[in-house]
N, C-alpha and C. Protein backbone atom coordinates (compact mmCIF):
# COMPACT_ATOMS: atom_id res chain seq x y z
N MET A 1 -1.92 19.95 15.08
CA MET A 1 -1.51 19.38 13.93
C MET A 1 -2.16 18.12 13.80
N PHE A 2 -2.57 17.69 12.58
CA PHE A 2 -3.41 16.48 12.36
C PHE A 2 -2.39 15.29 12.29
N GLU A 3 -2.71 14.21 12.34
CA GLU A 3 -2.09 12.90 11.95
C GLU A 3 -2.75 12.04 10.68
N PHE A 4 -1.61 11.93 10.01
CA PHE A 4 -1.89 11.08 8.83
C PHE A 4 -1.29 9.73 8.95
N LYS A 5 -2.23 8.77 8.68
CA LYS A 5 -1.65 7.30 8.98
C LYS A 5 -1.67 6.62 7.44
N PRO A 6 -0.73 6.20 7.15
CA PRO A 6 -0.59 5.31 5.65
C PRO A 6 -1.40 3.92 5.87
N ARG A 7 -2.21 3.63 4.93
CA ARG A 7 -3.07 2.42 5.13
C ARG A 7 -2.11 1.46 4.57
N LYS A 8 -2.24 0.36 5.41
CA LYS A 8 -1.52 -1.00 5.18
C LYS A 8 -1.89 -1.73 4.05
N ILE A 9 -0.84 -2.22 2.92
CA ILE A 9 -1.18 -3.03 1.86
C ILE A 9 -0.42 -4.37 2.24
N LYS A 10 -1.65 -5.37 1.86
CA LYS A 10 -0.78 -6.82 2.26
C LYS A 10 -0.13 -7.28 0.95
N SER A 11 0.97 -7.88 1.24
CA SER A 11 2.00 -8.65 0.43
C SER A 11 1.00 -9.88 -0.23
N HIS A 12 1.19 -10.23 -1.52
CA HIS A 12 0.84 -11.34 -2.38
C HIS A 12 1.30 -12.67 -1.52
N THR A 13 2.56 -12.50 -1.27
CA THR A 13 3.42 -13.77 -1.02
C THR A 13 3.53 -14.06 0.36
N SER A 14 3.48 -13.07 1.37
CA SER A 14 3.76 -13.13 2.43
C SER A 14 2.69 -12.61 3.45
N ASN A 15 2.72 -12.62 4.67
CA ASN A 15 1.76 -11.94 5.58
C ASN A 15 2.06 -10.31 6.00
N ARG A 16 3.29 -9.99 5.38
CA ARG A 16 3.55 -8.83 5.76
C ARG A 16 3.07 -7.64 5.19
N LYS A 17 2.76 -6.50 5.95
CA LYS A 17 2.08 -5.25 5.67
C LYS A 17 3.07 -4.16 5.12
N TYR A 18 2.75 -3.51 4.05
CA TYR A 18 3.36 -2.44 3.64
C TYR A 18 2.80 -0.91 3.68
N ASP A 19 3.35 0.19 4.01
CA ASP A 19 2.73 1.50 3.73
C ASP A 19 2.20 1.63 2.35
N GLY A 20 2.97 1.45 1.26
CA GLY A 20 2.57 1.89 -0.02
C GLY A 20 3.22 0.82 -0.91
N THR A 21 3.29 1.16 -2.33
CA THR A 21 3.79 0.14 -3.23
C THR A 21 4.38 1.06 -4.34
N TYR A 22 5.39 0.43 -4.87
CA TYR A 22 6.10 1.17 -6.25
C TYR A 22 5.05 0.89 -7.13
N HIS A 23 5.03 1.90 -8.13
CA HIS A 23 4.29 2.05 -9.23
C HIS A 23 4.65 1.49 -10.43
N ARG A 24 3.90 0.53 -11.16
CA ARG A 24 4.75 -0.21 -12.35
C ARG A 24 4.48 0.47 -13.80
N SER A 25 3.75 1.52 -13.71
CA SER A 25 3.47 2.04 -15.13
C SER A 25 4.73 3.18 -15.37
N ASN A 26 4.72 3.52 -16.80
CA ASN A 26 5.73 4.31 -17.14
C ASN A 26 5.23 5.93 -16.98
N PHE A 27 6.17 6.69 -16.54
CA PHE A 27 5.78 8.46 -16.50
C PHE A 27 7.12 8.81 -17.08
N PHE A 28 7.49 8.71 -18.04
CA PHE A 28 8.52 9.00 -18.76
C PHE A 28 8.56 10.53 -19.20
N SER A 29 7.34 11.21 -19.14
CA SER A 29 7.48 12.85 -19.20
C SER A 29 8.05 13.49 -18.07
N ILE A 30 8.22 12.70 -16.94
CA ILE A 30 8.90 13.12 -15.69
C ILE A 30 10.35 13.00 -16.02
N GLY A 31 11.19 14.12 -15.88
CA GLY A 31 12.51 14.14 -16.12
C GLY A 31 13.17 13.48 -15.04
N GLY A 32 14.16 12.42 -15.32
CA GLY A 32 14.96 11.63 -14.38
C GLY A 32 14.12 10.54 -13.96
N TYR A 33 12.88 10.07 -14.65
CA TYR A 33 12.02 8.87 -13.93
C TYR A 33 12.79 7.60 -14.15
N ARG A 34 12.83 6.72 -13.18
CA ARG A 34 13.53 5.49 -13.19
C ARG A 34 14.93 5.63 -13.40
N GLU A 35 15.54 6.67 -13.24
CA GLU A 35 16.99 6.95 -12.89
C GLU A 35 17.35 7.44 -11.67
N ILE A 36 16.64 8.77 -11.41
CA ILE A 36 16.93 9.26 -10.18
C ILE A 36 15.50 9.37 -9.06
N LYS A 37 14.33 9.15 -9.91
CA LYS A 37 13.14 9.40 -9.22
C LYS A 37 12.28 8.10 -9.57
N TRP A 38 11.48 7.70 -8.76
CA TRP A 38 10.39 6.46 -8.64
C TRP A 38 9.09 6.88 -8.22
N MET A 39 8.09 6.30 -8.96
CA MET A 39 6.80 6.67 -8.57
C MET A 39 6.22 5.50 -7.43
N ILE A 40 5.47 6.08 -6.44
CA ILE A 40 5.02 5.30 -5.25
C ILE A 40 3.42 5.77 -5.37
N VAL A 41 2.71 4.58 -4.75
CA VAL A 41 1.22 4.86 -4.20
C VAL A 41 1.17 4.61 -2.87
N MET A 42 0.47 5.67 -2.49
CA MET A 42 0.12 5.38 -0.95
C MET A 42 -1.50 5.91 -0.76
N GLU A 43 -2.19 5.31 0.02
CA GLU A 43 -3.44 5.44 0.68
C GLU A 43 -3.25 5.91 2.09
N ILE A 44 -3.82 7.33 2.54
CA ILE A 44 -3.64 7.70 3.75
C ILE A 44 -4.98 8.21 4.34
N GLU A 45 -5.04 7.79 5.66
CA GLU A 45 -6.25 7.93 6.29
C GLU A 45 -6.05 9.06 7.17
N CYS A 46 -6.84 9.96 7.43
CA CYS A 46 -6.89 11.17 8.26
C CYS A 46 -8.41 11.68 8.38
N ASP A 47 -8.57 12.58 9.24
CA ASP A 47 -9.84 13.15 9.61
C ASP A 47 -9.92 14.21 8.77
N ILE A 48 -10.39 13.93 7.71
CA ILE A 48 -10.66 15.12 6.42
C ILE A 48 -12.00 16.26 6.84
N PRO A 49 -13.07 15.56 7.31
CA PRO A 49 -14.34 16.44 7.78
C PRO A 49 -13.68 17.38 8.90
N ALA A 50 -12.74 16.96 9.67
CA ALA A 50 -12.43 17.99 10.85
C ALA A 50 -11.66 19.02 10.26
N MET A 51 -10.76 18.74 9.14
CA MET A 51 -9.76 19.54 8.47
C MET A 51 -10.77 20.69 7.88
N LYS A 52 -11.74 20.08 6.98
CA LYS A 52 -12.54 21.02 6.25
C LYS A 52 -13.39 22.00 7.01
N LYS A 53 -13.66 21.37 8.47
CA LYS A 53 -14.28 22.42 9.36
C LYS A 53 -13.42 23.69 9.80
N GLN A 54 -12.07 23.31 9.55
CA GLN A 54 -11.20 24.44 10.02
C GLN A 54 -10.76 25.42 8.83
N GLY A 55 -11.24 25.08 7.66
CA GLY A 55 -11.06 25.99 6.79
C GLY A 55 -10.06 25.36 5.73
N TYR A 56 -9.58 24.32 5.78
CA TYR A 56 -8.59 23.60 4.87
C TYR A 56 -9.30 23.33 3.24
N GLU A 57 -8.76 23.47 2.37
CA GLU A 57 -9.14 23.13 1.07
C GLU A 57 -8.53 21.66 0.94
N ASN A 58 -8.81 21.10 -0.38
CA ASN A 58 -8.29 19.69 -0.83
C ASN A 58 -6.81 19.64 -0.84
N ALA A 59 -6.39 20.74 -1.69
CA ALA A 59 -5.06 21.04 -1.79
C ALA A 59 -4.16 21.25 -0.73
N ASP A 60 -4.80 21.92 0.32
CA ASP A 60 -4.11 22.25 1.62
C ASP A 60 -4.10 21.08 2.37
N ILE A 61 -4.86 20.09 2.30
CA ILE A 61 -4.81 18.80 3.15
C ILE A 61 -3.78 18.02 2.58
N VAL A 62 -3.75 17.89 1.09
CA VAL A 62 -2.80 17.02 0.72
C VAL A 62 -1.42 17.65 1.01
N ARG A 63 -1.01 18.91 0.81
CA ARG A 63 0.05 19.71 0.91
C ARG A 63 0.54 19.32 2.44
N GLU A 64 -0.24 19.35 3.41
CA GLU A 64 -0.06 19.00 4.82
C GLU A 64 0.52 17.48 4.85
N CYS A 65 -0.19 16.75 4.26
CA CYS A 65 0.30 15.40 4.20
C CYS A 65 1.45 15.00 3.66
N VAL A 66 1.93 15.61 2.63
CA VAL A 66 3.06 15.27 2.06
C VAL A 66 4.25 15.90 2.99
N THR A 67 4.03 16.94 3.69
CA THR A 67 4.99 17.58 4.58
C THR A 67 5.23 16.69 5.68
N PHE A 68 4.09 15.85 6.10
CA PHE A 68 3.95 15.29 7.59
C PHE A 68 4.94 14.01 7.08
N LEU A 69 4.63 13.21 5.83
CA LEU A 69 5.46 12.30 5.39
C LEU A 69 6.86 12.47 5.12
N ASN A 70 7.33 13.75 4.89
CA ASN A 70 8.75 14.10 4.57
C ASN A 70 9.42 14.40 5.74
N LYS A 71 8.82 14.61 6.87
CA LYS A 71 9.43 14.85 8.15
C LYS A 71 10.34 13.73 8.68
N ALA A 72 11.62 14.01 8.97
CA ALA A 72 12.45 13.02 9.24
C ALA A 72 12.00 12.67 10.97
N PRO A 73 12.18 11.28 11.32
CA PRO A 73 12.16 11.03 12.79
C PRO A 73 13.18 12.02 13.52
N GLU A 74 12.89 11.99 14.97
CA GLU A 74 13.93 12.76 15.78
C GLU A 74 15.06 11.97 15.89
N LYS A 75 16.14 12.79 16.07
CA LYS A 75 17.64 11.90 16.31
C LYS A 75 17.65 11.53 17.88
N LYS A 76 18.15 10.28 17.61
CA LYS A 76 18.33 9.50 18.95
C LYS A 76 19.33 10.02 19.86
N LYS A 77 19.49 9.75 21.12
CA LYS A 77 20.42 10.34 22.13
C LYS A 77 21.83 10.34 21.45
N TYR A 78 22.28 9.21 21.24
CA TYR A 78 23.85 9.15 21.03
C TYR A 78 24.13 8.91 19.20
N ALA A 79 23.05 9.34 18.48
CA ALA A 79 23.40 8.91 17.08
C ALA A 79 24.19 10.03 16.39
N ARG A 80 25.06 9.65 15.74
CA ARG A 80 25.80 10.53 15.09
C ARG A 80 25.33 11.17 13.46
N LYS A 81 24.63 10.35 12.85
CA LYS A 81 23.99 10.67 11.70
C LYS A 81 22.72 11.30 11.84
N GLU A 82 22.33 12.41 10.85
CA GLU A 82 21.06 12.75 11.03
C GLU A 82 20.13 11.90 10.46
N PRO A 83 18.97 11.73 10.91
CA PRO A 83 18.04 10.72 10.34
C PRO A 83 17.38 11.05 9.14
N GLN A 84 16.95 10.29 8.26
CA GLN A 84 16.64 10.73 6.88
C GLN A 84 14.89 10.35 6.91
N PRO A 85 14.32 11.02 6.13
CA PRO A 85 12.69 10.58 5.89
C PRO A 85 12.46 9.10 5.65
N LYS A 86 11.32 8.50 6.36
CA LYS A 86 10.92 7.33 6.28
C LYS A 86 10.91 6.89 4.75
N TYR A 87 10.37 7.36 3.89
CA TYR A 87 10.15 7.06 2.45
C TYR A 87 11.07 7.74 1.47
N GLY A 88 12.10 8.50 1.99
CA GLY A 88 12.77 9.27 1.01
C GLY A 88 12.32 10.55 0.92
N ASN A 89 12.78 11.56 0.02
CA ASN A 89 12.41 12.79 -0.20
C ASN A 89 11.14 12.53 -1.16
N LEU A 90 10.00 13.19 -0.77
CA LEU A 90 8.80 12.81 -1.61
C LEU A 90 8.17 14.23 -2.22
N GLU A 91 7.97 14.09 -3.64
CA GLU A 91 7.56 15.12 -4.24
C GLU A 91 5.88 14.54 -4.76
N LEU A 92 4.99 15.58 -4.67
CA LEU A 92 3.77 15.13 -5.05
C LEU A 92 3.54 15.25 -6.51
N TYR A 93 2.98 14.39 -7.10
CA TYR A 93 2.56 14.10 -8.58
C TYR A 93 1.06 14.27 -8.90
N ASP A 94 0.09 13.51 -8.13
CA ASP A 94 -1.00 13.39 -8.17
C ASP A 94 -1.89 13.04 -7.00
N PHE A 95 -3.27 13.46 -6.79
CA PHE A 95 -3.86 13.09 -5.68
C PHE A 95 -5.27 12.84 -6.09
N SER A 96 -6.12 11.95 -5.21
CA SER A 96 -7.46 11.77 -5.18
C SER A 96 -8.12 11.39 -4.17
N PHE A 97 -9.39 12.02 -3.97
CA PHE A 97 -10.06 11.66 -2.47
C PHE A 97 -11.08 10.17 -2.76
N ARG A 98 -11.12 9.60 -2.07
CA ARG A 98 -11.94 8.39 -2.17
C ARG A 98 -12.87 8.16 -0.88
N ARG A 99 -14.08 7.90 -1.16
CA ARG A 99 -15.12 7.70 -0.08
C ARG A 99 -15.21 6.24 0.11
N GLU A 100 -15.07 5.55 1.37
CA GLU A 100 -15.02 4.18 1.60
C GLU A 100 -15.95 4.17 2.80
N VAL A 101 -16.41 2.82 3.34
CA VAL A 101 -17.12 2.68 4.52
C VAL A 101 -16.32 3.29 5.79
N SER A 102 -15.18 3.07 5.76
CA SER A 102 -14.46 3.65 7.02
C SER A 102 -14.17 5.19 7.07
N GLY A 103 -14.28 5.85 5.92
CA GLY A 103 -14.19 7.37 5.87
C GLY A 103 -13.66 7.61 4.56
N GLU A 104 -13.22 8.97 4.63
CA GLU A 104 -12.43 9.30 3.21
C GLU A 104 -11.10 9.02 3.20
N ILE A 105 -10.36 8.42 2.26
CA ILE A 105 -9.14 8.12 2.01
C ILE A 105 -8.62 9.12 0.98
N ILE A 106 -7.39 9.54 1.45
CA ILE A 106 -6.56 10.21 0.02
C ILE A 106 -5.45 9.15 -0.57
N GLN A 107 -5.74 9.33 -1.76
CA GLN A 107 -4.68 8.45 -2.74
C GLN A 107 -3.71 9.15 -3.47
N LEU A 108 -2.61 8.85 -2.96
CA LEU A 108 -1.65 9.82 -3.40
C LEU A 108 -0.54 9.04 -4.45
N LEU A 109 -0.02 9.81 -5.58
CA LEU A 109 1.09 9.48 -6.40
C LEU A 109 2.19 10.21 -5.99
N LEU A 110 3.25 9.61 -5.42
CA LEU A 110 4.29 10.44 -5.24
C LEU A 110 5.63 10.17 -5.81
N LEU A 111 6.31 11.04 -6.07
CA LEU A 111 8.14 10.70 -6.60
C LEU A 111 8.79 10.67 -5.29
N THR A 112 9.52 9.56 -5.25
CA THR A 112 10.62 9.33 -4.29
C THR A 112 12.29 9.16 -4.82
N ASP A 113 12.96 9.52 -4.23
CA ASP A 113 14.35 9.38 -4.63
C ASP A 113 15.03 7.84 -4.08
N GLN A 114 14.48 7.09 -3.50
CA GLN A 114 14.72 5.79 -3.00
C GLN A 114 14.21 4.83 -4.09
N LYS A 115 15.25 4.01 -4.56
CA LYS A 115 14.85 2.88 -5.35
C LYS A 115 14.19 1.75 -4.78
N LYS A 116 14.79 1.43 -3.37
CA LYS A 116 14.35 0.59 -2.90
C LYS A 116 13.93 1.25 -1.37
N ASN A 117 12.85 0.55 -0.74
CA ASN A 117 12.43 0.95 0.49
C ASN A 117 12.05 -0.05 1.36
N LYS A 118 12.08 -0.52 2.57
CA LYS A 118 11.53 -1.51 3.35
C LYS A 118 10.13 -1.37 3.71
N PHE A 119 9.86 -0.13 3.70
CA PHE A 119 8.23 0.25 4.12
C PHE A 119 7.51 0.11 2.80
N LEU A 120 8.03 0.10 1.61
CA LEU A 120 7.08 -0.03 0.45
C LEU A 120 7.38 -1.26 -0.15
N ARG A 121 6.31 -1.76 -0.83
CA ARG A 121 6.20 -3.12 -1.35
C ARG A 121 6.82 -3.15 -2.74
N GLY A 122 7.72 -3.94 -3.13
CA GLY A 122 8.49 -4.22 -4.50
C GLY A 122 9.48 -3.17 -4.65
N LYS A 123 10.27 -2.83 -5.42
CA LYS A 123 11.15 -1.86 -5.78
C LYS A 123 11.29 -1.27 -7.02
N GLY A 124 11.68 -0.10 -7.11
CA GLY A 124 11.60 0.72 -8.37
C GLY A 124 12.47 -0.02 -9.46
N LYS A 125 11.99 -0.03 -10.60
CA LYS A 125 12.60 -0.57 -12.06
C LYS A 125 13.58 0.29 -12.45
N ASN A 126 14.60 -0.04 -13.32
CA ASN A 126 15.59 0.73 -14.02
C ASN A 126 14.71 1.31 -15.28
N LYS A 127 15.42 2.30 -15.76
CA LYS A 127 15.10 2.85 -17.06
C LYS A 127 15.30 1.73 -18.00
N VAL A 128 13.90 1.76 -18.96
CA VAL A 128 14.16 0.70 -20.09
C VAL A 128 14.89 1.18 -21.14
N LYS A 129 15.91 0.36 -21.46
CA LYS A 129 16.77 0.59 -22.65
C LYS A 129 16.26 0.28 -23.88
N SER A 130 16.61 1.07 -24.79
CA SER A 130 16.08 0.71 -26.20
C SER A 130 16.57 -0.38 -26.71
N ARG A 131 15.62 -1.02 -27.33
CA ARG A 131 16.08 -2.39 -27.90
C ARG A 131 16.92 -2.36 -29.38
N ARG A 132 17.69 -3.09 -29.24
CA ARG A 132 18.77 -3.23 -30.35
C ARG A 132 18.42 -4.10 -31.57
N ARG A 133 18.27 -3.28 -32.57
CA ARG A 133 17.77 -4.21 -33.82
C ARG A 133 19.22 -4.93 -34.57
N TRP A 134 18.84 -6.14 -34.98
CA TRP A 134 19.85 -6.68 -35.69
C TRP A 134 20.09 -6.13 -37.18
N ALA A 135 21.17 -5.82 -37.51
CA ALA A 135 21.44 -5.61 -38.86
C ALA A 135 21.57 -6.79 -39.78
N THR A 136 20.77 -6.63 -40.81
CA THR A 136 20.76 -7.91 -41.87
C THR A 136 22.15 -7.82 -42.69
N LYS A 137 22.78 -9.00 -42.83
CA LYS A 137 23.79 -9.09 -43.50
C LYS A 137 23.59 -8.89 -45.11
N LYS A 138 24.50 -8.35 -45.64
CA LYS A 138 24.67 -8.21 -47.07
C LYS A 138 25.29 -9.14 -47.73
N LYS A 139 25.05 -9.78 -48.69
CA LYS A 139 25.83 -10.78 -49.40
C LYS A 139 26.76 -10.21 -50.42
């Protein structure tokens, strides 16, 4: 099993580092966007050349990455509740591969069901309401 590490994103206001960030663009073609689903952006570091040597295609690498990120941590010894996935339930929307000096990086656009997450920078916005027009008064 290969290991996928989210690349840390530095906050603008503090020295805290996050695993990803909430996307601020509108994806209204997605059903339930900004109501029950929010878009996040993550950059993942992994050993892509080693995976390609074993016969993995790009889509297979990304699928493995999303299943790795969706895996919940192990239950602690005396815990009552089942642990939840770290970033919520993730669905793949889009991906791209980028070459950098440190190696290849996977950039993921993912849908999550959590509006706010302590591992992600920012928070998901609510759905945009239609603007109310003021009616003109008749005399």
